[in-house]
Amino acid sequence: METIFVALSNMSGIACASDRDHTIYQLSKKLPLALAVSPSSSIPWDSIIEQYKLIGGPDEKEEFSDYASHFFSFLSTIPVEKSWKVKSDDDSNLIFMGYGKDDLFPSLYDVFLKINPKKNSLEEDFSEYNKVSHHQIAFINLLGDFEGVSTLLFGASDKTKEMICQYYIKLYKAYRERVIKKFTDTEFADFVNKKLEAFNIEETVYDKVFSVTDEVLEQVYTGLDTFGIEDLVTAGETLVNAEVRLKHLLSNGKEHSHTTKEIAVITRTEGVTWLKHSLYAL
């Protein structure tokens, strides 16, 4: 079963929620640091994170990025076992969340890992660094598939956007054939063919369709900017519960229907605070 996790962040802090136990981990009792991973991954995150905490975790650092570097440096020392398989993005995705010593606002480091067979270790494959500031007021970070509520978050689901792109590409190709046929055996044939060959329909269509997501996100971020930490918690839990229930309905009951299992808040003053956690009977 795929994990459904969302982290909503603004200047007030980070509120994160998951429908699975063992998704959100507190990395330090003294520092405002947390990590979100997929509990269904073959990588034994529970054991790895416990090892990290046993060696003392990170010392206080000026920049949030230094905490992330410290963790990934430790991660590179863990030998990869044969049973560890990266079958999907969800298996290798983790989100590092928190504050540096001098940070007023939170940061999130969204990372995809890969297994380096030569070094027999985990290393970064792709990453995105999100830092809340006066210029970038909010972020939404996800683990798993939010296909059901993605229209609310992004204007359309990835599947819908992909279908739209493929539809317009198909229409263009039909149009292109008609134009070529129209100008065949004319003095403009070479000019028309060169113009059509130079036009990248895939890049144009994808840029246009996915730019709509950016426009919708800007509006969502503006709304999130007005939320206090309690509102972020409510919104995160609501999104996770909605996605779980939609999956249950659309699968004709095959997907298990349940509610949010873990909710945590990360703020500069209080660090990581649990609002719901099975191990703590919350």
Protein backbone atom coordinates (compact mmCIF):
# COMPACT_ATOMS: atom_id res chain seq x y z
CA MET A 1 0.00 0.00 0.00
CA GLU A 2 1.44 3.35 -1.05
CA THR A 3 2.13 5.96 1.60
CA ILE A 4 0.08 9.17 1.56
CA PHE A 5 2.02 11.99 3.22
CA VAL A 6 1.76 15.76 2.98
CA ALA A 7 3.82 18.55 4.53
CA LEU A 8 2.37 22.06 4.46
CA SER A 9 4.76 24.85 5.38
CA ASN A 10 4.69 28.62 5.72
CA MET A 11 6.32 31.21 7.97
CA SER A 12 4.57 29.73 11.02
CA GLY A 13 6.18 26.32 10.64
CA ILE A 14 5.55 22.89 9.11
CA ALA A 15 2.53 20.63 9.66
CA CYS A 16 2.81 17.12 8.27
CA ALA A 17 0.42 14.19 8.21
CA SER A 18 0.51 10.58 6.99
CA ASP A 19 -1.92 7.70 6.67
CA ARG A 20 0.80 5.22 7.74
CA ASP A 21 2.73 4.60 10.94
CA HIS A 22 6.53 4.95 10.79
CA THR A 23 6.47 7.71 8.17
CA ILE A 24 7.50 10.75 10.24
CA TYR A 25 10.63 10.60 12.43
CA GLN A 26 11.95 13.06 14.99
CA LEU A 27 15.73 13.28 14.44
CA SER A 28 16.69 15.19 17.57
CA LYS A 29 15.16 15.96 20.96
CA LYS A 30 16.94 19.32 21.08
CA LEU A 31 16.79 20.50 17.47
CA PRO A 32 13.76 21.21 15.24
CA LEU A 33 14.46 18.42 12.73
CA ALA A 34 12.25 15.70 11.27
CA LEU A 35 12.36 13.25 8.40
CA ALA A 36 9.54 11.68 6.35
CA VAL A 37 10.06 8.39 4.50
CA SER A 38 7.94 5.66 2.96
CA PRO A 39 7.39 2.81 5.45
CA SER A 40 6.67 0.46 2.53
CA SER A 41 10.19 0.92 1.14
CA SER A 42 12.53 -2.08 1.21
CA ILE A 43 15.13 0.28 2.69
CA PRO A 44 14.93 -0.26 6.50
CA TRP A 45 14.50 3.39 7.43
CA ASP A 46 13.44 2.60 10.99
CA SER A 47 16.74 0.85 11.69
CA ILE A 48 18.85 3.42 9.81
CA ILE A 49 17.32 6.35 11.66
CA GLU A 50 17.79 4.63 15.01
CA GLN A 51 21.48 4.15 14.18
CA TYR A 52 21.72 7.84 13.28
CA LYS A 53 20.20 8.86 16.60
CA LEU A 54 22.47 6.46 18.52
CA ILE A 55 25.61 8.19 17.19
CA GLY A 56 24.20 11.43 18.58
CA GLY A 57 22.69 12.95 15.46
CA PRO A 58 23.86 16.39 14.34
CA ASP A 59 25.29 19.18 16.45
CA GLU A 60 23.61 22.58 16.20
CA LYS A 61 24.41 24.12 12.82
CA GLU A 62 23.98 27.57 11.32
CA GLU A 63 22.29 26.46 8.10
CA PHE A 64 19.51 23.91 7.67
CA SER A 65 21.34 22.50 4.63
CA ASP A 66 24.22 21.52 6.96
CA TYR A 67 21.87 19.21 8.88
CA ALA A 68 20.79 17.54 5.65
CA SER A 69 24.44 17.16 4.55
CA HIS A 70 25.30 15.57 7.90
CA PHE A 71 22.50 13.01 7.55
CA PHE A 72 23.33 12.11 3.95
CA SER A 73 27.01 11.81 4.85
CA PHE A 74 26.01 9.29 7.52
CA LEU A 75 23.70 7.54 5.05
CA SER A 76 26.59 6.98 2.64
CA THR A 77 28.35 4.87 5.31
CA ILE A 78 25.48 2.35 5.54
CA PRO A 79 26.23 -0.71 3.37
CA VAL A 80 23.40 -1.55 0.97
CA GLU A 81 22.03 -5.08 1.30
CA LYS A 82 20.85 -7.19 -1.63
CA SER A 83 17.26 -7.08 -0.40
CA TRP A 84 17.12 -3.30 -0.80
CA LYS A 85 15.34 -2.57 -4.05
CA VAL A 86 14.35 0.83 -5.39
CA LYS A 87 11.25 -0.19 -7.35
CA SER A 88 9.56 3.20 -7.50
CA ASP A 89 10.10 6.86 -6.64
CA ASP A 90 8.12 6.30 -3.45
CA ASP A 91 10.71 3.74 -2.28
CA SER A 92 13.61 6.15 -2.55
CA ASN A 93 11.96 9.46 -1.67
CA LEU A 94 12.51 11.21 1.66
CA ILE A 95 11.76 14.70 2.94
CA PHE A 96 14.09 16.39 5.44
CA MET A 97 12.34 19.17 7.40
CA GLY A 98 13.31 21.79 9.97
CA TYR A 99 15.30 24.92 10.87
CA GLY A 100 18.93 25.95 10.94
CA LYS A 101 20.21 27.83 14.02
CA ASP A 102 19.75 31.26 12.45
CA ASP A 103 16.66 30.47 10.35
CA LEU A 104 13.48 32.40 11.06
CA PHE A 105 11.45 30.25 8.67
CA PRO A 106 11.49 26.50 7.92
CA SER A 107 13.13 24.61 5.07
CA LEU A 108 12.37 21.29 3.38
CA TYR A 109 14.79 19.14 1.42
CA ASP A 110 12.93 16.76 -0.92
CA VAL A 111 15.34 14.02 -2.06
CA PHE A 112 15.24 10.97 -4.29
CA LEU A 113 17.97 8.41 -3.66
CA LYS A 114 19.63 5.81 -5.84
CA ILE A 115 21.80 2.80 -5.07
CA ASN A 116 25.40 3.17 -6.26
CA PRO A 117 26.43 -0.42 -7.10
CA LYS A 118 30.15 0.42 -7.24
CA LYS A 119 30.26 1.98 -3.77
CA ASN A 120 27.42 -0.22 -2.46
CA SER A 121 25.82 2.82 -0.89
CA LEU A 122 22.84 5.16 -1.13
CA GLU A 123 23.38 8.56 -2.71
CA GLU A 124 21.33 11.50 -3.94
CA ASP A 125 19.82 11.14 -7.40
CA PHE A 126 17.60 14.21 -7.53
CA SER A 127 16.75 16.83 -4.91
CA GLU A 128 14.74 20.00 -4.47
CA TYR A 129 15.51 22.51 -1.74
CA ASN A 130 12.49 24.52 -0.50
CA LYS A 131 13.10 27.42 1.87
CA VAL A 132 10.22 29.53 3.15
CA SER A 133 11.03 33.23 2.92
CA HIS A 134 9.40 36.60 2.37
CA HIS A 135 9.66 35.86 -1.36
CA GLN A 136 8.46 32.22 -1.26
CA ILE A 137 5.75 32.16 1.38
CA ALA A 138 4.61 28.52 1.39
CA PHE A 139 5.28 25.01 0.09
CA ILE A 140 3.47 21.70 -0.39
CA ASN A 141 5.64 18.58 -0.23
CA LEU A 142 4.25 15.11 -0.88
CA LEU A 143 5.16 11.46 -0.57
CA GLY A 144 3.02 9.01 -2.52
CA ASP A 145 0.18 9.57 -4.95
CA PHE A 146 -2.35 12.36 -4.36
CA GLU A 147 -4.23 11.69 -7.59
CA GLY A 148 -7.62 12.13 -5.92
CA VAL A 149 -7.17 15.62 -4.48
CA SER A 150 -4.52 16.87 -6.92
CA THR A 151 -7.16 18.94 -8.74
CA LEU A 152 -7.53 21.00 -5.56
CA LEU A 153 -3.78 21.35 -5.14
CA PHE A 154 -2.53 21.62 -8.71
CA GLY A 155 -5.54 22.37 -10.94
CA ALA A 156 -5.47 18.89 -12.51
CA SER A 157 -4.01 15.47 -11.79
CA ASP A 158 -0.77 14.34 -13.46
CA LYS A 159 -2.72 11.71 -15.40
CA THR A 160 -5.14 14.34 -16.70
CA LYS A 161 -2.32 16.67 -17.71
CA GLU A 162 -0.54 13.83 -19.49
CA MET A 163 -3.71 12.96 -21.41
CA ILE A 164 -4.18 16.62 -22.42
CA CYS A 165 -0.59 16.83 -23.64
CA GLN A 166 -0.86 13.66 -25.69
CA TYR A 167 -4.17 14.85 -27.18
CA TYR A 168 -2.70 18.16 -28.36
CA ILE A 169 0.41 16.44 -29.71
CA LYS A 170 -1.81 14.11 -31.72
CA LEU A 171 -3.81 17.06 -33.09
CA TYR A 172 -0.62 18.89 -34.06
CA LYS A 173 0.77 15.88 -35.90
CA ALA A 174 -2.44 15.61 -37.93
CA TYR A 175 -2.28 19.35 -38.67
CA ARG A 176 1.40 19.03 -39.62
CA GLU A 177 0.66 16.31 -42.16
CA ARG A 178 -2.08 18.44 -43.74
CA VAL A 179 0.25 21.44 -44.03
CA ILE A 180 3.05 19.40 -45.56
CA LYS A 181 0.65 17.87 -48.05
CA LYS A 182 -0.75 21.31 -48.89
CA PHE A 183 2.67 22.77 -49.78
CA THR A 184 4.17 19.71 -51.45
CA ASP A 185 5.47 20.48 -54.96
CA THR A 186 5.33 24.24 -54.33
CA GLU A 187 8.14 26.77 -54.02
CA PHE A 188 7.38 27.05 -50.29
CA ALA A 189 7.79 23.32 -49.53
CA ASP A 190 11.37 23.55 -48.16
CA PHE A 191 10.61 26.61 -46.06
CA VAL A 192 7.48 25.04 -44.54
CA ASN A 193 9.25 21.73 -43.81
CA LYS A 194 12.13 23.49 -42.04
CA LYS A 195 9.75 25.56 -39.93
CA LEU A 196 7.76 22.50 -38.91
CA GLU A 197 10.89 20.49 -38.09
CA ALA A 198 12.24 23.33 -35.92
CA PHE A 199 9.03 23.53 -33.88
CA ASN A 200 9.17 21.33 -30.75
CA ILE A 201 5.53 20.45 -30.11
CA GLU A 202 6.23 18.28 -27.05
CA GLU A 203 8.17 21.01 -25.24
CA THR A 204 5.62 23.68 -26.14
CA VAL A 205 2.58 21.67 -25.06
CA TYR A 206 4.10 20.41 -21.81
CA ASP A 207 5.31 23.89 -20.87
CA LYS A 208 1.87 25.36 -21.51
CA VAL A 209 -0.13 22.65 -19.72
CA PHE A 210 2.15 22.41 -16.69
CA SER A 211 2.38 26.20 -16.38
CA VAL A 212 -1.27 26.06 -15.34
CA THR A 213 -0.14 24.09 -12.28
CA ASP A 214 2.23 26.90 -11.36
CA GLU A 215 -0.58 29.44 -11.62
CA VAL A 216 -2.88 27.36 -9.41
CA LEU A 217 -0.08 26.74 -6.90
CA GLU A 218 0.58 30.45 -6.57
CA GLN A 219 -3.04 30.94 -5.53
CA VAL A 220 -2.86 27.99 -3.11
CA TYR A 221 0.36 29.34 -1.60
CA THR A 222 -1.26 32.73 -1.11
CA GLY A 223 -4.03 31.00 0.84
CA LEU A 224 -1.57 28.91 2.88
CA ASP A 225 0.35 32.06 3.78
CA THR A 226 -2.63 33.22 5.87
CA PHE A 227 -2.80 29.96 7.87
CA GLY A 228 -1.66 29.64 11.44
CA ILE A 229 -0.05 26.37 12.49
CA GLU A 230 -3.43 24.99 13.66
CA ASP A 231 -4.90 25.69 10.21
CA LEU A 232 -1.97 23.93 8.53
CA VAL A 233 -2.60 20.87 10.72
CA THR A 234 -6.31 20.82 9.84
CA ALA A 235 -5.58 21.22 6.14
CA GLY A 236 -2.91 18.48 6.11
CA GLU A 237 -5.08 15.97 7.97
CA THR A 238 -8.07 16.79 5.75
CA LEU A 239 -6.07 16.25 2.54
CA VAL A 240 -4.71 12.89 3.71
CA ASN A 241 -8.13 11.67 4.88
CA ALA A 242 -9.77 12.82 1.64
CA GLU A 243 -7.20 11.04 -0.50
CA VAL A 244 -7.53 7.80 1.47
CA ARG A 245 -11.32 7.83 1.22
CA LEU A 246 -11.31 8.67 -2.50
CA LYS A 247 -8.92 5.78 -3.15
CA HIS A 248 -11.24 3.50 -1.18
CA LEU A 249 -14.28 4.59 -3.21
CA LEU A 250 -12.59 4.52 -6.63
CA SER A 251 -11.14 1.06 -5.98
CA ASN A 252 -14.63 -0.31 -5.16
CA GLY A 253 -13.51 -1.02 -1.63
CA LYS A 254 -10.25 -2.78 -2.52
CA GLU A 255 -8.16 -0.03 -0.94
CA HIS A 256 -8.39 -0.02 2.85
CA SER A 257 -10.32 2.95 4.27
CA HIS A 258 -8.68 4.51 7.31
CA THR A 259 -7.78 7.89 8.73
CA THR A 260 -4.56 9.79 9.39
CA LYS A 261 -2.18 7.83 11.63
CA GLU A 262 0.59 10.36 12.22
CA ILE A 263 0.54 14.16 12.58
CA ALA A 264 3.53 16.26 13.61
CA VAL A 265 4.31 19.96 13.78
CA ILE A 266 7.79 21.46 13.43
CA THR A 267 8.30 25.01 14.71
CA ARG A 268 11.39 27.02 15.57
CA THR A 269 10.45 27.52 19.24
CA GLU A 270 8.99 24.09 20.12
CA GLY A 271 10.84 21.78 17.75
CA VAL A 272 8.99 18.61 16.72
CA THR A 273 5.62 18.17 18.44
CA TRP A 274 3.46 15.08 17.96
CA LEU A 275 -0.30 15.52 17.68
CA LYS A 276 -1.00 11.93 16.62
CA HIS A 277 1.32 8.94 16.89
CA SER A 278 0.50 5.27 17.50
CA LEU A 279 3.65 4.62 19.58
CA TYR A 280 2.79 7.46 21.94
CA ALA A 281 -0.91 6.52 22.14
CA LEU A 282 -1.87 9.89 20.67
